[in-house]
Amino acid sequence: VQSAMEDSTVHISLVLCLCVLLYVVESRDIPWSCVDLRCLPPADPCPTECQGNATCQIHNQVPYCACKPGYSGNPFIGCLEEVSQENCQSFSSPPGRKVYRVERYTKVNFFGAVIYCQAHGERLASIYSKEDNDLIKEEIRKTRIRNDQFWTSGTRLSQGHWVWMASGQPLPDFADWGSGEPDDPENEQCLQFYERNDNGYKWNDKNCWEELYPICEHIE
């Protein structure tokens, strides 16, 4: 078992450790996670990050926080109980000022993007409004990178419908899908910004193992 905990793979200057499948099966399919370059059993691998009313979840050895059912908000600073729109004015963005940072040198797959942002004290980007979406597009514009691809935290891998992996929240009513997208529910399970022929960046579903630039965010 010790060898399984120590196995790691270097990928684009980013170290990712993967639990060996054999040991996972012998452990009755326990969802091991990758923390500090070691494979650990599911004994809450991210207790110092998930705040009030949030739980630690694991997907493909990547631990992340999500609000408990019936709660919403930012799981890294605390989730609040959901209330009906009749009793309180709704809001679409987590509290605080959100700042986006677009990586322009390192390309990684979706799971590597989650780890990359966490390693920099950030999260893979989530979008709750047109304002959030416009902010990301402006940050992409500043990089002067055209006709390329960038990861957000959008995925339908674990729940079968689109959510933001960084928060566990569903996609908002606002959407910026490209024409005919999303178009591949079987093999394209993660959400990217994509541009072709200088037509402007739009949302697109993408195979999660493709290597793209990550978009990270943090709250000020």
Foldseek 3Di string as FASTA:
>chain_A
DVVQFQAWDQDQNFIGRARDPVVCVVVVNFQWAADPNTTHGPPQRPPVFFDAQWGWDGDRRHIAIAHDPQWFAQRRVYTDGDDDCVVDPDDQHHPFDKDKAWDDPFWFFQSSLQVVQVVVVWGFADDRDVVSVVNVLVNVVVVVDAQFKEFHQWFCVPPLATDRRNYRHHHYPDFFADPPPPDDSPAFTGWMFGHDPRPGTTIYGHGRGDIGITMTMDGD
